[in-house]
PDB file of N, CA and C in Angstrom:
ATOM      1  N   MET A   1     130.301 110.862 124.151  1.00  0.00           N
ATOM      2  CA  MET A   1     131.446 111.153 123.345  1.00  0.00           C
ATOM      3  C   MET A   1     131.102 110.826 121.897  1.00  0.00           C
ATOM      4  N   LEU A   2     131.504 111.677 121.004  1.00  0.00           N
ATOM      5  CA  LEU A   2     131.350 111.457 119.569  1.00  0.00           C
ATOM      6  C   LEU A   2     132.694 110.980 119.043  1.00  0.00           C
ATOM      7  N   PHE A   3     132.699 109.818 118.408  1.00  0.00           N
ATOM      8  CA  PHE A   3     133.922 109.224 117.873  1.00  0.00           C
ATOM      9  C   PHE A   3     133.727 109.081 116.369  1.00  0.00           C
ATOM     10  N   ILE A   4     134.577 109.717 115.595  1.00  0.00           N
ATOM     11  CA  ILE A   4     134.464 109.676 114.141  1.00  0.00           C
ATOM     12  C   ILE A   4     135.629 108.876 113.587  1.00  0.00           C
ATOM     13  N   SER A   5     135.321 107.879 112.741  1.00  0.00           N
ATOM     14  CA  SER A   5     136.386 107.029 112.216  1.00  0.00           C
ATOM     15  C   SER A   5     135.949 106.350 110.926  1.00  0.00           C
ATOM     16  N   HIS A   6     136.931 106.003 110.116  1.00  0.00           N
ATOM     17  CA  HIS A   6     136.707 105.155 108.950  1.00  0.00           C
ATOM     18  C   HIS A   6     137.087 103.708 109.260  1.00  0.00           C
ATOM     19  N   ASP A   7     137.628 103.470 110.451  1.00  0.00           N
ATOM     20  CA  ASP A   7     138.087 102.139 110.842  1.00  0.00           C
ATOM     21  C   ASP A   7     136.926 101.386 111.496  1.00  0.00           C
ATOM     22  N   LEU A   8     136.269 100.528 110.715  1.00  0.00           N
ATOM     23  CA  LEU A   8     135.087  99.814 111.209  1.00  0.00           C
ATOM     24  C   LEU A   8     135.409  98.861 112.349  1.00  0.00           C
ATOM     25  N   ALA A   9     136.609  98.296 112.370  1.00  0.00           N
ATOM     26  CA  ALA A   9     136.993  97.405 113.466  1.00  0.00           C
ATOM     27  C   ALA A   9     137.031  98.173 114.779  1.00  0.00           C
ATOM     28  N   VAL A  10     137.589  99.364 114.762  1.00  0.00           N
ATOM     29  CA  VAL A  10     137.636 100.187 115.971  1.00  0.00           C
ATOM     30  C   VAL A  10     136.226 100.616 116.366  1.00  0.00           C
ATOM     31  N   VAL A  11     135.435 101.048 115.402  1.00  0.00           N
ATOM     32  CA  VAL A  11     134.053 101.462 115.685  1.00  0.00           C
ATOM     33  C   VAL A  11     133.289 100.314 116.342  1.00  0.00           C
ATOM     34  N   SER A  12     133.479  99.099 115.864  1.00  0.00           N
ATOM     35  CA  SER A  12     132.753  97.946 116.407  1.00  0.00           C
ATOM     36  C   SER A  12     133.119  97.662 117.860  1.00  0.00           C
ATOM     37  N   GLN A  13     134.282  98.133 118.295  1.00  0.00           N
ATOM     38  CA  GLN A  13     134.715  97.912 119.674  1.00  0.00           C
ATOM     39  C   GLN A  13     134.442  99.097 120.595  1.00  0.00           C
ATOM     40  N   VAL A  14     134.365 100.313 120.030  1.00  0.00           N
ATOM     41  CA  VAL A  14     134.269 101.531 120.831  1.00  0.00           C
ATOM     42  C   VAL A  14     132.834 102.037 120.976  1.00  0.00           C
ATOM     43  N   ALA A  15     132.054 101.948 119.913  1.00  0.00           N
ATOM     44  CA  ALA A  15     130.745 102.611 119.877  1.00  0.00           C
ATOM     45  C   ALA A  15     129.624 101.747 120.428  1.00  0.00           C
ATOM     46  N   ALA A  16     128.660 102.404 121.045  1.00  0.00           N
ATOM     47  CA  ALA A  16     127.416 101.742 121.444  1.00  0.00           C
ATOM     48  C   ALA A  16     126.369 101.933 120.355  1.00  0.00           C
ATOM     49  N   ARG A  17     126.373 103.124 119.730  1.00  0.00           N
ATOM     50  CA  ARG A  17     125.491 103.439 118.611  1.00  0.00           C
ATOM     51  C   ARG A  17     126.360 103.902 117.458  1.00  0.00           C
ATOM     52  N   VAL A  18     125.921 103.600 116.238  1.00  0.00           N
ATOM     53  CA  VAL A  18     126.704 103.921 115.044  1.00  0.00           C
ATOM     54  C   VAL A  18     125.837 104.690 114.057  1.00  0.00           C
ATOM     55  N   ALA A  19     126.413 105.722 113.486  1.00  0.00           N
ATOM     56  CA  ALA A  19     125.790 106.442 112.380  1.00  0.00           C
ATOM     57  C   ALA A  19     126.701 106.275 111.170  1.00  0.00           C
ATOM     58  N   VAL A  20     126.159 105.746 110.097  1.00  0.00           N
ATOM     59  CA  VAL A  20     126.921 105.579 108.860  1.00  0.00           C
ATOM     60  C   VAL A  20     126.546 106.745 107.951  1.00  0.00           C
ATOM     61  N   MET A  21     127.566 107.431 107.449  1.00  0.00           N
ATOM     62  CA  MET A  21     127.321 108.592 106.591  1.00  0.00           C
ATOM     63  C   MET A  21     127.878 108.337 105.199  1.00  0.00           C
ATOM     64  N   TYR A  22     127.173 108.899 104.218  1.00  0.00           N
ATOM     65  CA  TYR A  22     127.639 108.853 102.831  1.00  0.00           C
ATOM     66  C   TYR A  22     127.426 110.236 102.244  1.00  0.00           C
ATOM     67  N   ALA A  23     128.479 110.831 101.738  1.00  0.00           N
ATOM     68  CA  ALA A  23     128.423 112.156 101.091  1.00  0.00           C
ATOM     69  C   ALA A  23     127.718 113.192 101.960  1.00  0.00           C
ATOM     70  N   GLY A  24     127.999 113.159 103.271  1.00  0.00           N
ATOM     71  CA  GLY A  24     127.478 114.166 104.176  1.00  0.00           C
ATOM     72  C   GLY A  24     126.112 113.897 104.772  1.00  0.00           C
ATOM     73  N   SER A  25     125.467 112.789 104.418  1.00  0.00           N
ATOM     74  CA  SER A  25     124.150 112.451 104.972  1.00  0.00           C
ATOM     75  C   SER A  25     124.210 111.144 105.745  1.00  0.00           C
ATOM     76  N   VAL A  26     123.485 111.099 106.845  1.00  0.00           N
ATOM     77  CA  VAL A  26     123.357 109.847 107.585  1.00  0.00           C
ATOM     78  C   VAL A  26     122.480 108.917 106.760  1.00  0.00           C
ATOM     79  N   VAL A  27     122.993 107.720 106.448  1.00  0.00           N
ATOM     80  CA  VAL A  27     122.206 106.748 105.690  1.00  0.00           C
ATOM     81  C   VAL A  27     121.703 105.615 106.585  1.00  0.00           C
ATOM     82  N   GLU A  28     122.343 105.456 107.755  1.00  0.00           N
ATOM     83  CA  GLU A  28     121.913 104.415 108.686  1.00  0.00           C
ATOM     84  C   GLU A  28     122.351 104.803 110.087  1.00  0.00           C
ATOM     85  N   LEU A  29     121.518 104.488 111.067  1.00  0.00           N
ATOM     86  CA  LEU A  29     121.772 104.856 112.448  1.00  0.00           C
ATOM     87  C   LEU A  29     121.170 103.796 113.340  1.00  0.00           C
ATOM     88  N   GLY A  30     121.939 103.342 114.316  1.00  0.00           N
ATOM     89  CA  GLY A  30     121.375 102.360 115.227  1.00  0.00           C
ATOM     90  C   GLY A  30     122.385 101.805 116.191  1.00  0.00           C
ATOM     91  N   PRO A  31     121.939 100.844 116.997  1.00  0.00           N
ATOM     92  CA  PRO A  31     122.844 100.180 117.926  1.00  0.00           C
ATOM     93  C   PRO A  31     123.958  99.454 117.164  1.00  0.00           C
ATOM     94  N   ARG A  32     125.134  99.459 117.717  1.00  0.00           N
ATOM     95  CA  ARG A  32     126.294  98.832 117.077  1.00  0.00           C
ATOM     96  C   ARG A  32     125.988  97.416 116.598  1.00  0.00           C
ATOM     97  N   ASN A  33     125.415  96.596 117.451  1.00  0.00           N
ATOM     98  CA  ASN A  33     125.171  95.200 117.069  1.00  0.00           C
ATOM     99  C   ASN A  33     124.215  95.093 115.890  1.00  0.00           C
ATOM    100  N   GLU A  34     123.198  95.938 115.845  1.00  0.00           N
ATOM    101  CA  GLU A  34     122.255  95.933 114.715  1.00  0.00           C
ATOM    102  C   GLU A  34     122.950  96.327 113.418  1.00  0.00           C
ATOM    103  N   ILE A  35     123.755  97.379 113.482  1.00  0.00           N
ATOM    104  CA  ILE A  35     124.437  97.861 112.280  1.00  0.00           C
ATOM    105  C   ILE A  35     125.397  96.800 111.744  1.00  0.00           C
ATOM    106  N   PHE A  36     126.161  96.176 112.618  1.00  0.00           N
ATOM    107  CA  PHE A  36     127.162  95.212 112.160  1.00  0.00           C
ATOM    108  C   PHE A  36     126.575  93.836 111.845  1.00  0.00           C
ATOM    109  N   ARG A  37     125.473  93.464 112.472  1.00  0.00           N
ATOM    110  CA  ARG A  37     124.868  92.151 112.208  1.00  0.00           C
ATOM    111  C   ARG A  37     123.778  92.194 111.143  1.00  0.00           C
ATOM    112  N   SER A  38     123.048  93.306 111.071  1.00  0.00           N
ATOM    113  CA  SER A  38     121.932  93.422 110.132  1.00  0.00           C
ATOM    114  C   SER A  38     121.949  94.775 109.437  1.00  0.00           C
ATOM    115  N   PRO A  39     122.982  95.064 108.652  1.00  0.00           N
ATOM    116  CA  PRO A  39     123.017  96.369 107.978  1.00  0.00           C
ATOM    117  C   PRO A  39     121.834  96.499 107.025  1.00  0.00           C
ATOM    118  N   ALA A  40     121.189  97.668 107.059  1.00  0.00           N
ATOM    119  CA  ALA A  40     119.985  97.867 106.260  1.00  0.00           C
ATOM    120  C   ALA A  40     120.233  98.675 104.993  1.00  0.00           C
ATOM    121  N   HIS A  41     121.166  99.587 105.009  1.00  0.00           N
ATOM    122  CA  HIS A  41     121.404 100.428 103.828  1.00  0.00           C
ATOM    123  C   HIS A  41     122.439  99.757 102.925  1.00  0.00           C
ATOM    124  N   PRO A  42     122.260  99.810 101.610  1.00  0.00           N
ATOM    125  CA  PRO A  42     123.210  99.183 100.684  1.00  0.00           C
ATOM    126  C   PRO A  42     124.655  99.688 100.851  1.00  0.00           C
ATOM    127  N   TYR A  43     124.840 100.954 101.213  1.00  0.00           N
ATOM    128  CA  TYR A  43     126.196 101.457 101.424  1.00  0.00           C
ATOM    129  C   TYR A  43     126.828 100.795 102.645  1.00  0.00           C
ATOM    130  N   THR A  44     126.076 100.674 103.736  1.00  0.00           N
ATOM    131  CA  THR A  44     126.588 100.009 104.938  1.00  0.00           C
ATOM    132  C   THR A  44     126.942  98.560 104.616  1.00  0.00           C
ATOM    133  N   ARG A  45     126.077  97.885 103.874  1.00  0.00           N
ATOM    134  CA  ARG A  45     126.360  96.494 103.478  1.00  0.00           C
ATOM    135  C   ARG A  45     127.654  96.415 102.675  1.00  0.00           C
ATOM    136  N   GLY A  46     127.822  97.339 101.726  1.00  0.00           N
ATOM    137  CA  GLY A  46     129.027  97.363 100.912  1.00  0.00           C
ATOM    138  C   GLY A  46     130.275  97.597 101.745  1.00  0.00           C
ATOM    139  N   LEU A  47     130.194  98.522 102.691  1.00  0.00           N
ATOM    140  CA  LEU A  47     131.341  98.778 103.573  1.00  0.00           C
ATOM    141  C   LEU A  47     131.724  97.524 104.341  1.00  0.00           C
ATOM    142  N   LEU A  48     130.730  96.888 104.945  1.00  0.00           N
ATOM    143  CA  LEU A  48     131.013  95.710 105.768  1.00  0.00           C
ATOM    144  C   LEU A  48     131.524  94.536 104.933  1.00  0.00           C
ATOM    145  N   HIS A  49     131.062  94.404 103.702  1.00  0.00           N
ATOM    146  CA  HIS A  49     131.552  93.319 102.847  1.00  0.00           C
ATOM    147  C   HIS A  49     132.968  93.568 102.335  1.00  0.00           C
ATOM    148  N   SER A  50     133.419  94.813 102.410  1.00  0.00           N
ATOM    149  CA  SER A  50     134.762  95.124 101.909  1.00  0.00           C
ATOM    150  C   SER A  50     135.839  95.005 102.984  1.00  0.00           C
ATOM    151  N   VAL A  51     135.450  94.650 104.204  1.00  0.00           N
ATOM    152  CA  VAL A  51     136.405  94.514 105.305  1.00  0.00           C
ATOM    153  C   VAL A  51     136.823  93.047 105.423  1.00  0.00           C
ATOM    154  N   PRO A  52     138.125  92.780 105.395  1.00  0.00           N
ATOM    155  CA  PRO A  52     138.565  91.393 105.546  1.00  0.00           C
ATOM    156  C   PRO A  52     138.370  90.897 106.976  1.00  0.00           C
ATOM    157  N   ASP A  53     138.158  89.597 107.105  1.00  0.00           N
ATOM    158  CA  ASP A  53     138.120  88.977 108.434  1.00  0.00           C
ATOM    159  C   ASP A  53     138.950  87.701 108.388  1.00  0.00           C
ATOM    160  N   LEU A  54     138.911  86.920 109.432  1.00  0.00           N
ATOM    161  CA  LEU A  54     139.739  85.717 109.483  1.00  0.00           C
ATOM    162  C   LEU A  54     139.316  84.661 108.466  1.00  0.00           C
ATOM    163  N   LYS A  55     138.086  84.734 107.971  1.00  0.00           N
ATOM    164  CA  LYS A  55     137.586  83.778 106.985  1.00  0.00           C
ATOM    165  C   LYS A  55     137.826  84.232 105.543  1.00  0.00           C
ATOM    166  N   THR A  56     138.309  85.457 105.352  1.00  0.00           N
ATOM    167  CA  THR A  56     138.498  86.010 104.014  1.00  0.00           C
ATOM    168  C   THR A  56     139.558  85.215 103.252  1.00  0.00           C
ATOM    169  N   ASP A  57     139.218  84.811 102.040  1.00  0.00           N
ATOM    170  CA  ASP A  57     140.153  84.101 101.165  1.00  0.00           C
ATOM    171  C   ASP A  57     141.178  85.104 100.651  1.00  0.00           C
ATOM    172  N   ARG A  58     142.400  84.972 101.104  1.00  0.00           N
ATOM    173  CA  ARG A  58     143.457  85.930 100.759  1.00  0.00           C
ATOM    174  C   ARG A  58     143.928  85.807  99.305  1.00  0.00           C
ATOM    175  N   THR A  59     143.461  84.778  98.600  1.00  0.00           N
ATOM    176  CA  THR A  59     143.846  84.628  97.193  1.00  0.00           C
ATOM    177  C   THR A  59     142.930  85.409  96.261  1.00  0.00           C
ATOM    178  N   HIS A  60     141.831  85.965  96.797  1.00  0.00           N
ATOM    179  CA  HIS A  60     140.888  86.742  96.003  1.00  0.00           C
ATOM    180  C   HIS A  60     140.912  88.206  96.449  1.00  0.00           C
ATOM    181  N   PRO A  61     140.692  89.128  95.530  1.00  0.00           N
ATOM    182  CA  PRO A  61     140.639  90.538  95.943  1.00  0.00           C
ATOM    183  C   PRO A  61     139.431  90.797  96.835  1.00  0.00           C
ATOM    184  N   LEU A  62     139.546  91.815  97.684  1.00  0.00           N
ATOM    185  CA  LEU A  62     138.430  92.200  98.538  1.00  0.00           C
ATOM    186  C   LEU A  62     137.301  92.763  97.687  1.00  0.00           C
ATOM    187  N   GLU A  63     136.080  92.658  98.187  1.00  0.00           N
ATOM    188  CA  GLU A  63     134.936  93.257  97.500  1.00  0.00           C
ATOM    189  C   GLU A  63     135.075  94.774  97.546  1.00  0.00           C
ATOM    190  N   THR A  64     134.561  95.423  96.535  1.00  0.00           N
ATOM    191  CA  THR A  64     134.575  96.881  96.491  1.00  0.00           C
ATOM    192  C   THR A  64     133.175  97.386  96.168  1.00  0.00           C
ATOM    193  N   ILE A  65     132.982  98.673  96.378  1.00  0.00           N
ATOM    194  CA  ILE A  65     131.743  99.327  95.979  1.00  0.00           C
ATOM    195  C   ILE A  65     132.064 100.033  94.672  1.00  0.00           C
ATOM    196  N   GLU A  66     131.411  99.622  93.606  1.00  0.00           N
ATOM    197  CA  GLU A  66     131.685 100.203  92.285  1.00  0.00           C
ATOM    198  C   GLU A  66     131.359 101.687  92.255  1.00  0.00           C
ATOM    199  N   GLY A  67     132.075 102.432  91.419  1.00  0.00           N
ATOM    200  CA  GLY A  67     131.806 103.858  91.235  1.00  0.00           C
ATOM    201  C   GLY A  67     132.578 104.718  92.213  1.00  0.00           C
ATOM    202  N   THR A  68     132.239 106.008  92.225  1.00  0.00           N
ATOM    203  CA  THR A  68     132.911 106.969  93.099  1.00  0.00           C
ATOM    204  C   THR A  68     131.891 107.883  93.771  1.00  0.00           C
ATOM    205  N   VAL A  69     132.327 108.515  94.841  1.00  0.00           N
ATOM    206  CA  VAL A  69     131.489 109.478  95.546  1.00  0.00           C
ATOM    207  C   VAL A  69     131.314 110.696  94.639  1.00  0.00           C
ATOM    208  N   PRO A  70     130.089 111.217  94.512  1.00  0.00           N
ATOM    209  CA  PRO A  70     129.896 112.390  93.650  1.00  0.00           C
ATOM    210  C   PRO A  70     130.591 113.622  94.248  1.00  0.00           C
ATOM    211  N   PRO A  71     131.088 114.511  93.392  1.00  0.00           N
ATOM    212  CA  PRO A  71     131.689 115.745  93.918  1.00  0.00           C
ATOM    213  C   PRO A  71     130.626 116.612  94.592  1.00  0.00           C
ATOM    214  N   LEU A  72     131.028 117.351  95.620  1.00  0.00           N
ATOM    215  CA  LEU A  72     130.075 118.181  96.360  1.00  0.00           C
ATOM    216  C   LEU A  72     129.323 119.158  95.475  1.00  0.00           C
ATOM    217  N   GLN A  73     129.971 119.672  94.431  1.00  0.00           N
ATOM    218  CA  GLN A  73     129.312 120.640  93.552  1.00  0.00           C
ATOM    219  C   GLN A  73     128.374 119.971  92.547  1.00  0.00           C
ATOM    220  N   ALA A  74     128.337 118.641  92.527  1.00  0.00           N
ATOM    221  CA  ALA A  74     127.476 117.934  91.571  1.00  0.00           C
ATOM    222  C   ALA A  74     126.683 116.820  92.261  1.00  0.00           C
ATOM    223  N   MET A  75     126.197 117.092  93.457  1.00  0.00           N
ATOM    224  CA  MET A  75     125.428 116.086  94.192  1.00  0.00           C
ATOM    225  C   MET A  75     124.092 115.856  93.482  1.00  0.00           C
ATOM    226  N   PRO A  76     123.680 114.596  93.335  1.00  0.00           N
ATOM    227  CA  PRO A  76     122.382 114.319  92.712  1.00  0.00           C
ATOM    228  C   PRO A  76     121.246 114.809  93.619  1.00  0.00           C
ATOM    229  N   PRO A  77     120.065 115.070  93.066  1.00  0.00           N
ATOM    230  CA  PRO A  77     118.950 115.599  93.869  1.00  0.00           C
ATOM    231  C   PRO A  77     118.397 114.594  94.876  1.00  0.00           C
ATOM    232  N   GLY A  78     118.549 113.326  94.608  1.00  0.00           N
ATOM    233  CA  GLY A  78     118.027 112.298  95.503  1.00  0.00           C
ATOM    234  C   GLY A  78     119.099 111.752  96.414  1.00  0.00           C
ATOM    235  N   CYS A  79     119.115 110.468  96.555  1.00  0.00           N
ATOM    236  CA  CYS A  79     120.119 109.790  97.370  1.00  0.00           C
ATOM    237  C   CYS A  79     121.470 109.869  96.661  1.00  0.00           C
ATOM    238  N   ALA A  80     122.496 110.340  97.356  1.00  0.00           N
ATOM    239  CA  ALA A  80     123.821 110.476  96.750  1.00  0.00           C
ATOM    240  C   ALA A  80     124.417 109.123  96.383  1.00  0.00           C
ATOM    241  N   PHE A  81     123.973 108.051  97.036  1.00  0.00           N
ATOM    242  CA  PHE A  81     124.500 106.714  96.745  1.00  0.00           C
ATOM    243  C   PHE A  81     123.788 106.066  95.550  1.00  0.00           C
ATOM    244  N   GLU A  82     122.680 106.639  95.109  1.00  0.00           N
ATOM    245  CA  GLU A  82     121.846 106.040  94.053  1.00  0.00           C
ATOM    246  C   GLU A  82     122.625 105.625  92.800  1.00  0.00           C
ATOM    247  N   PRO A  83     123.547 106.435  92.259  1.00  0.00           N
ATOM    248  CA  PRO A  83     124.247 106.005  91.040  1.00  0.00           C
ATOM    249  C   PRO A  83     125.084 104.739  91.224  1.00  0.00           C
ATOM    250  N   ARG A  84     125.455 104.430  92.462  1.00  0.00           N
ATOM    251  CA  ARG A  84     126.303 103.269  92.754  1.00  0.00           C
ATOM    252  C   ARG A  84     125.518 102.079  93.312  1.00  0.00           C
ATOM    253  N   CYS A  85     124.243 102.256  93.541  1.00  0.00           N
ATOM    254  CA  CYS A  85     123.441 101.281  94.282  1.00  0.00           C
ATOM    255  C   CYS A  85     122.820 100.217  93.376  1.00  0.00           C
ATOM    256  N   ALA A  86     123.014  98.980  93.738  1.00  0.00           N
ATOM    257  CA  ALA A  86     122.435  97.863  92.986  1.00  0.00           C
ATOM    258  C   ALA A  86     120.931  97.733  93.230  1.00  0.00           C
ATOM    259  N   PHE A  87     120.410  98.371  94.279  1.00  0.00           N
ATOM    260  CA  PHE A  87     118.991  98.256  94.641  1.00  0.00           C
ATOM    261  C   PHE A  87     118.195  99.501  94.284  1.00  0.00           C
ATOM    262  N   ARG A  88     118.800 100.436  93.576  1.00  0.00           N
ATOM    263  CA  ARG A  88     118.140 101.722  93.314  1.00  0.00           C
ATOM    264  C   ARG A  88     116.830 101.535  92.547  1.00  0.00           C
ATOM    265  N   ILE A  89     115.917 102.432  92.866  1.00  0.00           N
ATOM    266  CA  ILE A  89     114.650 102.521  92.145  1.00  0.00           C
ATOM    267  C   ILE A  89     114.492 103.980  91.725  1.00  0.00           C
ATOM    268  N   LEU A  90     113.529 104.262  90.894  1.00  0.00           N
ATOM    269  CA  LEU A  90     113.359 105.596  90.335  1.00  0.00           C
ATOM    270  C   LEU A  90     113.253 106.684  91.406  1.00  0.00           C
ATOM    271  N   GLU A  91     112.516 106.422  92.476  1.00  0.00           N
ATOM    272  CA  GLU A  91     112.341 107.451  93.503  1.00  0.00           C
ATOM    273  C   GLU A  91     113.645 107.805  94.214  1.00  0.00           C
ATOM    274  N   CYS A  92     114.639 106.935  94.189  1.00  0.00           N
ATOM    275  CA  CYS A  92     115.929 107.233  94.812  1.00  0.00           C
ATOM    276  C   CYS A  92     116.627 108.406  94.126  1.00  0.00           C
ATOM    277  N   ALA A  93     116.411 108.555  92.824  1.00  0.00           N
ATOM    278  CA  ALA A  93     117.037 109.635  92.065  1.00  0.00           C
ATOM    279  C   ALA A  93     116.286 110.955  92.215  1.00  0.00           C
ATOM    280  N   ARG A  94     115.047 110.892  92.649  1.00  0.00           N
ATOM    281  CA  ARG A  94     114.207 112.097  92.717  1.00  0.00           C
ATOM    282  C   ARG A  94     114.368 112.883  94.008  1.00  0.00           C
ATOM    283  N   ALA A  95     114.381 112.189  95.144  1.00  0.00           N
ATOM    284  CA  ALA A  95     114.424 112.873  96.436  1.00  0.00           C
ATOM    285  C   ALA A  95     115.159 112.009  97.455  1.00  0.00           C
ATOM    286  N   LEU A  96     115.789 112.664  98.412  1.00  0.00           N
ATOM    287  CA  LEU A  96     116.487 111.949  99.474  1.00  0.00           C
ATOM    288  C   LEU A  96     115.457 111.205 100.320  1.00  0.00           C
ATOM    289  N   PRO A  97     115.558 109.886 100.408  1.00  0.00           N
ATOM    290  CA  PRO A  97     114.585 109.136 101.208  1.00  0.00           C
ATOM    291  C   PRO A  97     114.694 109.509 102.690  1.00  0.00           C
ATOM    292  N   PRO A  98     113.589 109.448 103.412  1.00  0.00           N
ATOM    293  CA  PRO A  98     113.643 109.748 104.854  1.00  0.00           C
ATOM    294  C   PRO A  98     114.269 108.592 105.625  1.00  0.00           C
ATOM    295  N   LEU A  99     114.775 108.883 106.804  1.00  0.00           N
ATOM    296  CA  LEU A  99     115.216 107.822 107.706  1.00  0.00           C
ATOM    297  C   LEU A  99     113.971 107.141 108.252  1.00  0.00           C
ATOM    298  N   VAL A 100     113.894 105.828 108.114  1.00  0.00           N
ATOM    299  CA  VAL A 100     112.741 105.055 108.574  1.00  0.00           C
ATOM    300  C   VAL A 100     113.245 103.983 109.527  1.00  0.00           C
ATOM    301  N   GLU A 101     112.498 103.758 110.597  1.00  0.00           N
ATOM    302  CA  GLU A 101     112.887 102.753 111.587  1.00  0.00           C
ATOM    303  C   GLU A 101     112.658 101.357 111.015  1.00  0.00           C
ATOM    304  N   VAL A 102     113.734 100.581 110.855  1.00  0.00           N
ATOM    305  CA  VAL A 102     113.653  99.238 110.284  1.00  0.00           C
ATOM    306  C   VAL A 102     113.641  98.160 111.360  1.00  0.00           C
ATOM    307  N   ALA A 103     114.060  98.522 112.564  1.00  0.00           N
ATOM    308  CA  ALA A 103     114.018  97.672 113.754  1.00  0.00           C
ATOM    309  C   ALA A 103     114.043  98.647 114.936  1.00  0.00           C
ATOM    310  N   PRO A 104     113.699  98.210 116.127  1.00  0.00           N
ATOM    311  CA  PRO A 104     113.684  99.147 117.254  1.00  0.00           C
ATOM    312  C   PRO A 104     115.020  99.888 117.410  1.00  0.00           C
ATOM    313  N   GLY A 105     114.973 101.204 117.251  1.00  0.00           N
ATOM    314  CA  GLY A 105     116.162 102.033 117.382  1.00  0.00           C
ATOM    315  C   GLY A 105     117.128 101.978 116.215  1.00  0.00           C
ATOM    316  N   HIS A 106     116.756 101.270 115.148  1.00  0.00           N
ATOM    317  CA  HIS A 106     117.624 101.098 113.971  1.00  0.00           C
ATOM    318  C   HIS A 106     116.937 101.772 112.787  1.00  0.00           C
ATOM    319  N   TRP A 107     117.593 102.797 112.231  1.00  0.00           N
ATOM    320  CA  TRP A 107     117.017 103.623 111.175  1.00  0.00           C
ATOM    321  C   TRP A 107     117.840 103.520 109.909  1.00  0.00           C
ATOM    322  N   ALA A 108     117.185 103.539 108.752  1.00  0.00           N
ATOM    323  CA  ALA A 108     117.895 103.506 107.469  1.00  0.00           C
ATOM    324  C   ALA A 108     117.178 104.399 106.468  1.00  0.00           C
ATOM    325  N   ARG A 109     117.963 104.918 105.535  1.00  0.00           N
ATOM    326  CA  ARG A 109     117.459 105.832 104.522  1.00  0.00           C
ATOM    327  C   ARG A 109     117.438 105.090 103.178  1.00  0.00           C
ATOM    328  N   CYS A 110     116.565 104.069 103.063  1.00  0.00           N
ATOM    329  CA  CYS A 110     116.504 103.278 101.828  1.00  0.00           C
ATOM    330  C   CYS A 110     115.081 102.804 101.594  1.00  0.00           C
ATOM    331  N   PRO A 111     114.417 103.301 100.544  1.00  0.00           N
ATOM    332  CA  PRO A 111     113.027 102.885 100.304  1.00  0.00           C
ATOM    333  C   PRO A 111     112.890 101.416  99.932  1.00  0.00           C
ATOM    334  N   VAL A 112     113.914 100.825  99.360  1.00  0.00           N
ATOM    335  CA  VAL A 112     113.840  99.398  98.996  1.00  0.00           C
ATOM    336  C   VAL A 112     113.851  98.543 100.256  1.00  0.00           C
ATOM    337  N   VAL A 113     114.775  98.823 101.163  1.00  0.00           N
ATOM    338  CA  VAL A 113     114.851  98.093 102.422  1.00  0.00           C
ATOM    339  C   VAL A 113     113.631  98.389 103.275  1.00  0.00           C
ATOM    340  N   ASN A 114     113.202  99.655 103.296  1.00  0.00           N
ATOM    341  CA  ASN A 114     112.079 100.052 104.123  1.00  0.00           C
ATOM    342  C   ASN A 114     110.752  99.488 103.626  1.00  0.00           C
ATOM    343  N   ALA A 115     110.667  99.081 102.363  1.00  0.00           N
ATOM    344  CA  ALA A 115     109.435  98.526 101.806  1.00  0.00           C
ATOM    345  C   ALA A 115     109.213  97.083 102.242  1.00  0.00           C
ATOM    346  N   LYS A 116     110.247  96.445 102.732  1.00  0.00           N
ATOM    347  CA  LYS A 116     110.139  95.032 103.122  1.00  0.00           C
ATOM    348  C   LYS A 116     109.434  94.856 104.440  1.00  0.00           C
TER     349      LYS A 116
END
């Protein structure tokens, strides 16, 4: 079954494998536990940090991912997340990075993470 959702809490309970997409491209793919415990792509990390949990200090605003999603008619030639990414390098703007296995069955599309 394919389950599509923006609700990460539901995804964490329903899915065995998770694909995280940004602007129409898969940026991370892997077993649910790997994605939620060891996110490899900066967008996945940003999403997970923006979700409140029981330890979240309610007196402070939630974390956000700076910037906005590029419009479909103006997608950058490289990684669509590159303009918003704190880890971007020059090659991110040039071409879409390939999905690389960062752990068994866990794939990410980030040359900075993949270089480690």
